[in-house]
Amino acid sequence: MSSPSADRLDCPFPKLHLSQLYRDERFFMSLAYNQAIDAWRADEVPIGAVIECGGEVIGAAHNQVEHSDDPTAHAEILAITQAARAIGDWRLEGATLYVTKEPCPMCSGATIMSRLKRVIFAVPDPKMGCLGGATDLAALPRVNHRPIRESGVLETECRELLQAYFRLKRAAAAEAEPLDPPPTAAAG
């Protein structure tokens, strides 16, 4: 286990604890939100994902890009891999992915390739989201699978988490920058 980073930010957000009696979209998204909290605490971009099938969680992960030095270690990819192992099949046809932010191009492609039935994301991403934000990969004419796509579940909570993380990261980076550049030696 690595030692805490000097620039790690404490997460001011508490985890959500919803009743397990109502395993609805809000319940599963709250589990993804809690994964995002774990990401923040690990000094990762706070995005979490949960995959549910038949009312049970078969995959759950958060971003691990920084910790693993792996650009593909996004929450969605890690959760898809767990879910496929859990059911023993790469086809996740009856499963739903809950993720705190709209998937990027790589993750959107993975949702299509894994045959997920539904993808529910909290926060749309107009810059990099590829299930309706910046573009919609599932709408390409020759795509052979189109997951049902929905957004907005716990959007406020997930948006506030992401915005606070990046706001605090930018503030910490600004504090770390020297105000004046170091003096240079005069040419002789």
Protein backbone atom coordinates (compact mmCIF):
# COMPACT_ATOMS: atom_id res chain seq x y z
CA MET A 1 0.00 0.00 0.00
CA SER A 2 1.41 3.38 -0.94
CA SER A 3 1.79 6.23 1.51
CA PRO A 4 -0.67 9.13 1.33
CA SER A 5 0.20 11.80 -1.20
CA ALA A 6 1.19 15.20 0.12
CA ASP A 7 -1.35 16.84 -2.18
CA ARG A 8 -4.18 14.42 -1.32
CA LEU A 9 -7.40 16.20 -0.44
CA ASP A 10 -9.67 15.03 2.34
CA CYS A 11 -13.13 14.26 1.03
CA PRO A 12 -15.71 16.45 2.80
CA PHE A 13 -18.65 14.40 1.50
CA PRO A 14 -20.21 11.58 3.55
CA LYS A 15 -21.22 8.29 1.98
CA LEU A 16 -24.91 7.70 1.29
CA HIS A 17 -26.74 4.93 3.13
CA LEU A 18 -30.10 4.10 1.59
CA SER A 19 -32.44 1.35 2.72
CA GLN A 20 -31.78 -2.00 1.06
CA LEU A 21 -35.52 -2.63 1.07
CA TYR A 22 -35.93 -0.48 -2.05
CA ARG A 23 -33.32 -1.61 -4.56
CA ASP A 24 -34.27 0.96 -7.15
CA GLU A 25 -32.19 3.21 -9.42
CA ARG A 26 -31.51 5.63 -6.59
CA PHE A 27 -30.22 2.80 -4.36
CA PHE A 28 -27.78 1.46 -6.97
CA MET A 29 -26.62 4.95 -7.94
CA SER A 30 -25.94 5.66 -4.26
CA LEU A 31 -23.60 2.65 -4.28
CA ALA A 32 -21.83 4.13 -7.32
CA TYR A 33 -21.65 7.47 -5.50
CA ASN A 34 -20.03 5.73 -2.52
CA GLN A 35 -17.49 4.22 -4.91
CA ALA A 36 -16.76 7.77 -6.12
CA ILE A 37 -16.15 8.81 -2.49
CA ASP A 38 -13.66 5.92 -2.24
CA ALA A 39 -11.97 7.20 -5.41
CA TRP A 40 -11.56 10.68 -3.89
CA ARG A 41 -10.12 9.16 -0.71
CA ALA A 42 -7.61 7.27 -2.88
CA ASP A 43 -6.66 10.53 -4.64
CA GLU A 44 -8.41 9.53 -7.87
CA VAL A 45 -10.99 11.45 -9.91
CA PRO A 46 -14.22 10.66 -8.02
CA ILE A 47 -16.14 8.51 -10.44
CA GLY A 48 -17.79 5.31 -9.30
CA ALA A 49 -19.64 2.52 -11.07
CA VAL A 50 -21.87 -0.37 -10.02
CA ILE A 51 -23.31 -3.13 -12.20
CA GLU A 52 -26.56 -4.72 -11.10
CA CYS A 53 -28.22 -7.82 -12.48
CA GLY A 54 -31.37 -9.33 -11.02
CA GLY A 55 -31.27 -6.92 -8.08
CA GLU A 56 -27.75 -7.95 -7.04
CA VAL A 57 -24.45 -6.11 -7.43
CA ILE A 58 -22.13 -8.11 -9.70
CA GLY A 59 -19.48 -5.42 -10.17
CA ALA A 60 -18.43 -2.29 -8.31
CA ALA A 61 -15.39 -0.07 -8.81
CA HIS A 62 -14.00 3.43 -8.82
CA ASN A 63 -11.36 5.10 -10.94
CA GLN A 64 -7.86 3.73 -10.34
CA VAL A 65 -5.95 5.43 -13.16
CA GLU A 66 -3.46 7.28 -10.95
CA HIS A 67 -2.85 4.45 -8.49
CA SER A 68 -2.34 1.81 -11.19
CA ASP A 69 -0.69 4.03 -13.84
CA ASP A 70 -3.20 2.50 -16.24
CA PRO A 71 -5.18 4.83 -18.53
CA THR A 72 -7.86 2.16 -18.94
CA ALA A 73 -8.54 1.78 -15.19
CA HIS A 74 -11.77 3.73 -15.32
CA ALA A 75 -14.57 2.77 -12.94
CA GLU A 76 -16.77 1.46 -15.76
CA ILE A 77 -14.08 -0.78 -17.27
CA LEU A 78 -13.15 -2.25 -13.89
CA ALA A 79 -16.80 -2.87 -12.97
CA ILE A 80 -17.51 -4.49 -16.37
CA THR A 81 -14.54 -6.82 -15.89
CA GLN A 82 -15.75 -7.78 -12.39
CA ALA A 83 -19.29 -8.37 -13.63
CA ALA A 84 -18.16 -10.57 -16.51
CA ARG A 85 -16.08 -12.67 -14.10
CA ALA A 86 -18.98 -12.86 -11.63
CA ILE A 87 -21.39 -14.32 -14.19
CA GLY A 88 -18.79 -16.20 -16.24
CA ASP A 89 -19.73 -14.53 -19.52
CA TRP A 90 -18.62 -11.39 -21.34
CA ARG A 91 -22.20 -10.74 -22.41
CA LEU A 92 -23.89 -8.68 -19.68
CA GLU A 93 -27.24 -8.71 -21.47
CA GLY A 94 -29.51 -8.44 -18.43
CA ALA A 95 -27.32 -6.06 -16.45
CA THR A 96 -27.49 -2.34 -15.72
CA LEU A 97 -24.46 -0.08 -15.24
CA TYR A 98 -24.88 2.80 -12.79
CA VAL A 99 -22.10 5.38 -13.10
CA THR A 100 -21.70 8.81 -11.56
CA LYS A 101 -20.65 10.55 -14.81
CA GLU A 102 -21.46 9.88 -18.45
CA PRO A 103 -18.96 7.40 -19.87
CA CYS A 104 -16.04 8.59 -22.01
CA PRO A 105 -15.43 7.19 -25.53
CA MET A 106 -13.53 4.15 -24.22
CA CYS A 107 -16.09 3.30 -21.54
CA SER A 108 -19.04 3.96 -23.86
CA GLY A 109 -17.54 1.50 -26.31
CA ALA A 110 -17.15 -1.04 -23.52
CA THR A 111 -20.82 -0.68 -22.55
CA ILE A 112 -21.79 -1.49 -26.12
CA MET A 113 -19.30 -4.34 -26.53
CA SER A 114 -20.33 -5.96 -23.24
CA ARG A 115 -24.00 -5.92 -24.29
CA LEU A 116 -25.19 -4.14 -21.15
CA LYS A 117 -28.96 -3.81 -21.17
CA ARG A 118 -29.00 -0.33 -19.59
CA VAL A 119 -26.56 2.43 -18.72
CA ILE A 120 -27.71 4.96 -16.15
CA PHE A 121 -25.39 7.88 -15.47
CA ALA A 122 -25.86 10.71 -13.01
CA VAL A 123 -24.04 13.63 -14.66
CA PRO A 124 -24.07 14.22 -18.43
CA ASP A 125 -20.69 15.15 -19.92
CA PRO A 126 -21.00 17.50 -22.93
CA LYS A 127 -17.19 17.50 -23.49
CA MET A 128 -16.26 13.82 -23.40
CA GLY A 129 -19.46 11.84 -22.82
CA CYS A 130 -20.22 9.41 -25.60
CA LEU A 131 -23.69 8.16 -24.77
CA GLY A 132 -25.43 11.37 -25.74
CA GLY A 133 -23.20 14.18 -24.39
CA ALA A 134 -20.47 15.09 -26.88
CA THR A 135 -21.67 12.31 -29.18
CA ASP A 136 -23.59 9.04 -28.99
CA LEU A 137 -21.63 5.95 -30.00
CA ALA A 138 -24.71 3.77 -29.54
CA ALA A 139 -26.50 5.78 -32.22
CA LEU A 140 -24.00 4.88 -34.94
CA PRO A 141 -25.98 3.20 -37.74
CA ARG A 142 -24.02 -0.06 -37.83
CA VAL A 143 -23.69 -0.65 -34.09
CA ASN A 144 -25.12 -4.08 -33.31
CA HIS A 145 -26.14 -3.30 -29.72
CA ARG A 146 -27.73 -0.22 -28.21
CA PRO A 147 -28.02 -0.10 -24.43
CA ILE A 148 -30.92 1.84 -23.01
CA ARG A 149 -29.41 5.12 -21.80
CA GLU A 150 -30.79 7.26 -18.99
CA SER A 151 -29.38 10.10 -16.92
CA GLY A 152 -30.16 12.29 -13.95
CA VAL A 153 -30.34 9.82 -11.03
CA LEU A 154 -28.54 11.57 -8.11
CA GLU A 155 -27.26 14.14 -10.60
CA THR A 156 -27.01 16.99 -8.07
CA GLU A 157 -25.03 14.95 -5.55
CA CYS A 158 -22.64 13.52 -8.15
CA ARG A 159 -22.15 16.88 -9.87
CA GLU A 160 -21.36 18.60 -6.55
CA LEU A 161 -18.83 15.87 -5.71
CA LEU A 162 -17.01 16.23 -9.04
CA GLN A 163 -17.05 20.03 -8.99
CA ALA A 164 -15.76 20.21 -5.41
CA TYR A 165 -12.95 17.77 -6.18
CA PHE A 166 -11.69 19.74 -9.17
CA ARG A 167 -12.17 23.09 -7.43
CA LEU A 168 -10.04 21.89 -4.48
CA LYS A 169 -7.43 20.33 -6.78
CA ARG A 170 -7.08 23.60 -8.71
CA ALA A 171 -6.79 25.60 -5.46
CA ALA A 172 -4.12 23.22 -4.12
CA ALA A 173 -2.18 23.45 -7.38
CA ALA A 174 -2.36 27.26 -7.33
CA GLU A 175 -1.02 27.34 -3.75
CA ALA A 176 1.86 25.05 -4.71
CA GLU A 177 3.02 27.26 -7.61
CA PRO A 178 5.76 29.79 -6.79
CA LEU A 179 4.66 33.40 -7.17
CA ASP A 180 7.84 34.56 -8.85
CA PRO A 181 10.02 32.49 -11.16
CA PRO A 182 13.50 31.71 -9.77
CA PRO A 183 16.20 34.20 -10.82
CA THR A 184 18.32 33.21 -13.79
CA ALA A 185 22.08 33.68 -14.06
CA ALA A 186 23.08 36.76 -16.04
CA ALA A 187 24.88 36.07 -19.29
CA GLY A 188 28.54 37.11 -19.11
